[in-house]
Amino acid sequence: MDIVLIILAVILAFFVVTFAIYWFNIDMKLVRKVYDLLQKHYDKMKRDKKL
């Protein structure tokens, strides 16, 4: 019986964490930060003007 309660607690904790990520849009905020860092990197690169 203890194992079932532990499994249910883990499932509930996982649901709460993923719901908070969804509710506060944390995933897209993180993607925006990574995008800004990558944009700085690629803006500094030399370009070959031939297409």
PDB file of N, CA and C in Angstrom:
ATOM      1  N   MET A   1       0.812  -1.198   0.000  1.00  0.00           N
ATOM      2  CA  MET A   1       0.000   0.000   0.000  1.00  0.00           C
ATOM      3  C   MET A   1       0.855   1.261   0.000  1.00  0.00           C
ATOM      4  N   ASP A   2       1.996   1.196   0.673  1.00  0.00           N
ATOM      5  CA  ASP A   2       2.888   2.355   0.721  1.00  0.00           C
ATOM      6  C   ASP A   2       3.433   2.683  -0.665  1.00  0.00           C
ATOM      7  N   ILE A   3       3.695   1.654  -1.453  1.00  0.00           N
ATOM      8  CA  ILE A   3       4.239   1.864  -2.799  1.00  0.00           C
ATOM      9  C   ILE A   3       3.225   2.580  -3.670  1.00  0.00           C
ATOM     10  N   VAL A   4       1.967   2.228  -3.536  1.00  0.00           N
ATOM     11  CA  VAL A   4       0.915   2.875  -4.322  1.00  0.00           C
ATOM     12  C   VAL A   4       0.807   4.354  -3.957  1.00  0.00           C
ATOM     13  N   LEU A   5       0.897   4.670  -2.665  1.00  0.00           N
ATOM     14  CA  LEU A   5       0.843   6.068  -2.231  1.00  0.00           C
ATOM     15  C   LEU A   5       2.038   6.862  -2.746  1.00  0.00           C
ATOM     16  N   ILE A   6       3.209   6.251  -2.754  1.00  0.00           N
ATOM     17  CA  ILE A   6       4.405   6.918  -3.274  1.00  0.00           C
ATOM     18  C   ILE A   6       4.253   7.179  -4.766  1.00  0.00           C
ATOM     19  N   ILE A   7       3.764   6.194  -5.492  1.00  0.00           N
ATOM     20  CA  ILE A   7       3.565   6.364  -6.936  1.00  0.00           C
ATOM     21  C   ILE A   7       2.543   7.461  -7.211  1.00  0.00           C
ATOM     22  N   LEU A   8       1.456   7.488  -6.461  1.00  0.00           N
ATOM     23  CA  LEU A   8       0.453   8.538  -6.635  1.00  0.00           C
ATOM     24  C   LEU A   8       1.014   9.916  -6.292  1.00  0.00           C
ATOM     25  N   ALA A   9       1.836  10.007  -5.267  1.00  0.00           N
ATOM     26  CA  ALA A   9       2.460  11.281  -4.891  1.00  0.00           C
ATOM     27  C   ALA A   9       3.398  11.771  -5.989  1.00  0.00           C
ATOM     28  N   VAL A  10       4.149  10.857  -6.583  1.00  0.00           N
ATOM     29  CA  VAL A  10       5.066  11.228  -7.662  1.00  0.00           C
ATOM     30  C   VAL A  10       4.277  11.708  -8.877  1.00  0.00           C
ATOM     31  N   ILE A  11       3.216  11.008  -9.220  1.00  0.00           N
ATOM     32  CA  ILE A  11       2.386  11.406 -10.360  1.00  0.00           C
ATOM     33  C   ILE A  11       1.751  12.773 -10.108  1.00  0.00           C
ATOM     34  N   LEU A  12       1.261  12.998  -8.911  1.00  0.00           N
ATOM     35  CA  LEU A  12       0.659  14.282  -8.566  1.00  0.00           C
ATOM     36  C   LEU A  12       1.688  15.408  -8.613  1.00  0.00           C
ATOM     37  N   ALA A  13       2.876  15.165  -8.092  1.00  0.00           N
ATOM     38  CA  ALA A  13       3.937  16.176  -8.127  1.00  0.00           C
ATOM     39  C   ALA A  13       4.332  16.491  -9.570  1.00  0.00           C
ATOM     40  N   PHE A  14       4.428  15.465 -10.394  1.00  0.00           N
ATOM     41  CA  PHE A  14       4.755  15.679 -11.801  1.00  0.00           C
ATOM     42  C   PHE A  14       3.680  16.521 -12.485  1.00  0.00           C
ATOM     43  N   PHE A  15       2.412  16.222 -12.201  1.00  0.00           N
ATOM     44  CA  PHE A  15       1.313  16.991 -12.780  1.00  0.00           C
ATOM     45  C   PHE A  15       1.362  18.448 -12.333  1.00  0.00           C
ATOM     46  N   VAL A  16       1.616  18.677 -11.060  1.00  0.00           N
ATOM     47  CA  VAL A  16       1.661  20.049 -10.542  1.00  0.00           C
ATOM     48  C   VAL A  16       2.797  20.831 -11.189  1.00  0.00           C
ATOM     49  N   VAL A  17       3.948  20.212 -11.327  1.00  0.00           N
ATOM     50  CA  VAL A  17       5.091  20.899 -11.947  1.00  0.00           C
ATOM     51  C   VAL A  17       4.807  21.210 -13.411  1.00  0.00           C
ATOM     52  N   THR A  18       4.304  20.250 -14.154  1.00  0.00           N
ATOM     53  CA  THR A  18       4.033  20.508 -15.570  1.00  0.00           C
ATOM     54  C   THR A  18       2.901  21.509 -15.749  1.00  0.00           C
ATOM     55  N   PHE A  19       1.913  21.501 -14.855  1.00  0.00           N
ATOM     56  CA  PHE A  19       0.838  22.486 -14.940  1.00  0.00           C
ATOM     57  C   PHE A  19       1.365  23.884 -14.653  1.00  0.00           C
ATOM     58  N   ALA A  20       2.266  24.025 -13.703  1.00  0.00           N
ATOM     59  CA  ALA A  20       2.853  25.335 -13.405  1.00  0.00           C
ATOM     60  C   ALA A  20       3.673  25.836 -14.593  1.00  0.00           C
ATOM     61  N   ILE A  21       4.403  24.943 -15.244  1.00  0.00           N
ATOM     62  CA  ILE A  21       5.159  25.323 -16.440  1.00  0.00           C
ATOM     63  C   ILE A  21       4.210  25.815 -17.522  1.00  0.00           C
ATOM     64  N   TYR A  22       3.108  25.135 -17.707  1.00  0.00           N
ATOM     65  CA  TYR A  22       2.108  25.540 -18.700  1.00  0.00           C
ATOM     66  C   TYR A  22       1.447  26.857 -18.303  1.00  0.00           C
ATOM     67  N   TRP A  23       1.043  26.982 -17.053  1.00  0.00           N
ATOM     68  CA  TRP A  23       0.278  28.142 -16.595  1.00  0.00           C
ATOM     69  C   TRP A  23       1.096  29.429 -16.704  1.00  0.00           C
ATOM     70  N   PHE A  24       2.363  29.369 -16.311  1.00  0.00           N
ATOM     71  CA  PHE A  24       3.201  30.563 -16.322  1.00  0.00           C
ATOM     72  C   PHE A  24       4.011  30.709 -17.607  1.00  0.00           C
ATOM     73  N   ASN A  25       3.809  29.839 -18.573  1.00  0.00           N
ATOM     74  CA  ASN A  25       4.443  29.914 -19.885  1.00  0.00           C
ATOM     75  C   ASN A  25       5.973  29.916 -19.767  1.00  0.00           C
ATOM     76  N   ILE A  26       6.475  29.142 -18.837  1.00  0.00           N
ATOM     77  CA  ILE A  26       7.909  29.131 -18.551  1.00  0.00           C
ATOM     78  C   ILE A  26       8.705  28.568 -19.726  1.00  0.00           C
ATOM     79  N   ASP A  27       8.149  27.610 -20.434  1.00  0.00           N
ATOM     80  CA  ASP A  27       8.879  26.993 -21.535  1.00  0.00           C
ATOM     81  C   ASP A  27       9.171  28.011 -22.638  1.00  0.00           C
ATOM     82  N   MET A  28       8.208  28.856 -22.978  1.00  0.00           N
ATOM     83  CA  MET A  28       8.440  29.833 -24.035  1.00  0.00           C
ATOM     84  C   MET A  28       9.338  30.974 -23.568  1.00  0.00           C
ATOM     85  N   LYS A  29       9.308  31.279 -22.272  1.00  0.00           N
ATOM     86  CA  LYS A  29      10.223  32.291 -21.745  1.00  0.00           C
ATOM     87  C   LYS A  29      11.661  31.794 -21.848  1.00  0.00           C
ATOM     88  N   LEU A  30      11.864  30.511 -21.565  1.00  0.00           N
ATOM     89  CA  LEU A  30      13.199  29.928 -21.692  1.00  0.00           C
ATOM     90  C   LEU A  30      13.647  29.902 -23.154  1.00  0.00           C
ATOM     91  N   VAL A  31      12.743  29.549 -24.047  1.00  0.00           N
ATOM     92  CA  VAL A  31      13.075  29.525 -25.473  1.00  0.00           C
ATOM     93  C   VAL A  31      13.459  30.920 -25.943  1.00  0.00           C
ATOM     94  N   ARG A  32      12.768  31.951 -25.464  1.00  0.00           N
ATOM     95  CA  ARG A  32      13.088  33.328 -25.860  1.00  0.00           C
ATOM     96  C   ARG A  32      14.486  33.707 -25.407  1.00  0.00           C
ATOM     97  N   LYS A  33      14.887  33.335 -24.194  1.00  0.00           N
ATOM     98  CA  LYS A  33      16.233  33.638 -23.701  1.00  0.00           C
ATOM     99  C   LYS A  33      17.288  32.946 -24.568  1.00  0.00           C
ATOM    100  N   VAL A  34      17.063  31.678 -24.891  1.00  0.00           N
ATOM    101  CA  VAL A  34      18.009  30.933 -25.723  1.00  0.00           C
ATOM    102  C   VAL A  34      18.064  31.547 -27.117  1.00  0.00           C
ATOM    103  N   TYR A  35      16.910  31.932 -27.657  1.00  0.00           N
ATOM    104  CA  TYR A  35      16.855  32.562 -28.983  1.00  0.00           C
ATOM    105  C   TYR A  35      17.662  33.856 -29.005  1.00  0.00           C
ATOM    106  N   ASP A  36      17.532  34.679 -27.976  1.00  0.00           N
ATOM    107  CA  ASP A  36      18.284  35.937 -27.919  1.00  0.00           C
ATOM    108  C   ASP A  36      19.784  35.677 -27.866  1.00  0.00           C
ATOM    109  N   LEU A  37      20.203  34.677 -27.079  1.00  0.00           N
ATOM    110  CA  LEU A  37      21.630  34.351 -27.014  1.00  0.00           C
ATOM    111  C   LEU A  37      22.146  33.856 -28.366  1.00  0.00           C
ATOM    112  N   LEU A  38      21.376  32.997 -29.024  1.00  0.00           N
ATOM    113  CA  LEU A  38      21.802  32.495 -30.328  1.00  0.00           C
ATOM    114  C   LEU A  38      21.808  33.602 -31.375  1.00  0.00           C
ATOM    115  N   GLN A  39      20.863  34.519 -31.292  1.00  0.00           N
ATOM    116  CA  GLN A  39      20.808  35.622 -32.247  1.00  0.00           C
ATOM    117  C   GLN A  39      22.057  36.488 -32.145  1.00  0.00           C
ATOM    118  N   LYS A  40      22.523  36.772 -30.931  1.00  0.00           N
ATOM    119  CA  LYS A  40      23.757  37.537 -30.749  1.00  0.00           C
ATOM    120  C   LYS A  40      24.937  36.813 -31.390  1.00  0.00           C
ATOM    121  N   HIS A  41      24.976  35.506 -31.187  1.00  0.00           N
ATOM    122  CA  HIS A  41      26.075  34.712 -31.746  1.00  0.00           C
ATOM    123  C   HIS A  41      26.073  34.755 -33.267  1.00  0.00           C
ATOM    124  N   TYR A  42      24.915  34.532 -33.875  1.00  0.00           N
ATOM    125  CA  TYR A  42      24.848  34.480 -35.331  1.00  0.00           C
ATOM    126  C   TYR A  42      24.955  35.856 -35.967  1.00  0.00           C
ATOM    127  N   ASP A  43      24.622  36.911 -35.252  1.00  0.00           N
ATOM    128  CA  ASP A  43      24.799  38.258 -35.787  1.00  0.00           C
ATOM    129  C   ASP A  43      26.271  38.629 -35.894  1.00  0.00           C
ATOM    130  N   LYS A  44      27.119  38.045 -35.052  1.00  0.00           N
ATOM    131  CA  LYS A  44      28.552  38.348 -35.063  1.00  0.00           C
ATOM    132  C   LYS A  44      29.311  37.572 -36.132  1.00  0.00           C
ATOM    133  N   MET A  45      28.710  36.545 -36.693  1.00  0.00           N
ATOM    134  CA  MET A  45      29.411  35.709 -37.664  1.00  0.00           C
ATOM    135  C   MET A  45      29.625  36.454 -38.975  1.00  0.00           C
ATOM    136  N   LYS A  46      30.794  36.193 -39.599  1.00  0.00           N
ATOM    137  CA  LYS A  46      31.037  36.761 -40.920  1.00  0.00           C
ATOM    138  C   LYS A  46      30.191  36.036 -41.938  1.00  0.00           C
ATOM    139  N   ARG A  47      29.708  36.781 -42.893  1.00  0.00           N
ATOM    140  CA  ARG A  47      28.837  36.216 -43.907  1.00  0.00           C
ATOM    141  C   ARG A  47      29.556  36.136 -45.248  1.00  0.00           C
ATOM    142  N   ASP A  48      29.241  35.107 -45.974  1.00  0.00           N
ATOM    143  CA  ASP A  48      29.702  34.988 -47.350  1.00  0.00           C
ATOM    144  C   ASP A  48      28.607  35.642 -48.197  1.00  0.00           C
ATOM    145  N   LYS A  49      28.957  36.693 -48.915  1.00  0.00           N
ATOM    146  CA  LYS A  49      27.934  37.462 -49.626  1.00  0.00           C
ATOM    147  C   LYS A  49      27.440  36.784 -50.886  1.00  0.00           C
ATOM    148  N   LYS A  50      28.113  35.711 -51.325  1.00  0.00           N
ATOM    149  CA  LYS A  50      27.651  34.990 -52.510  1.00  0.00           C
ATOM    150  C   LYS A  50      26.486  34.091 -52.126  1.00  0.00           C
ATOM    151  N   LEU A  51      25.490  34.086 -52.961  1.00  0.00           N
ATOM    152  CA  LEU A  51      24.377  33.186 -52.701  1.00  0.00           C
ATOM    153  C   LEU A  51      24.334  32.070 -53.704  1.00  0.00           C
TER     154      LEU A  51
END
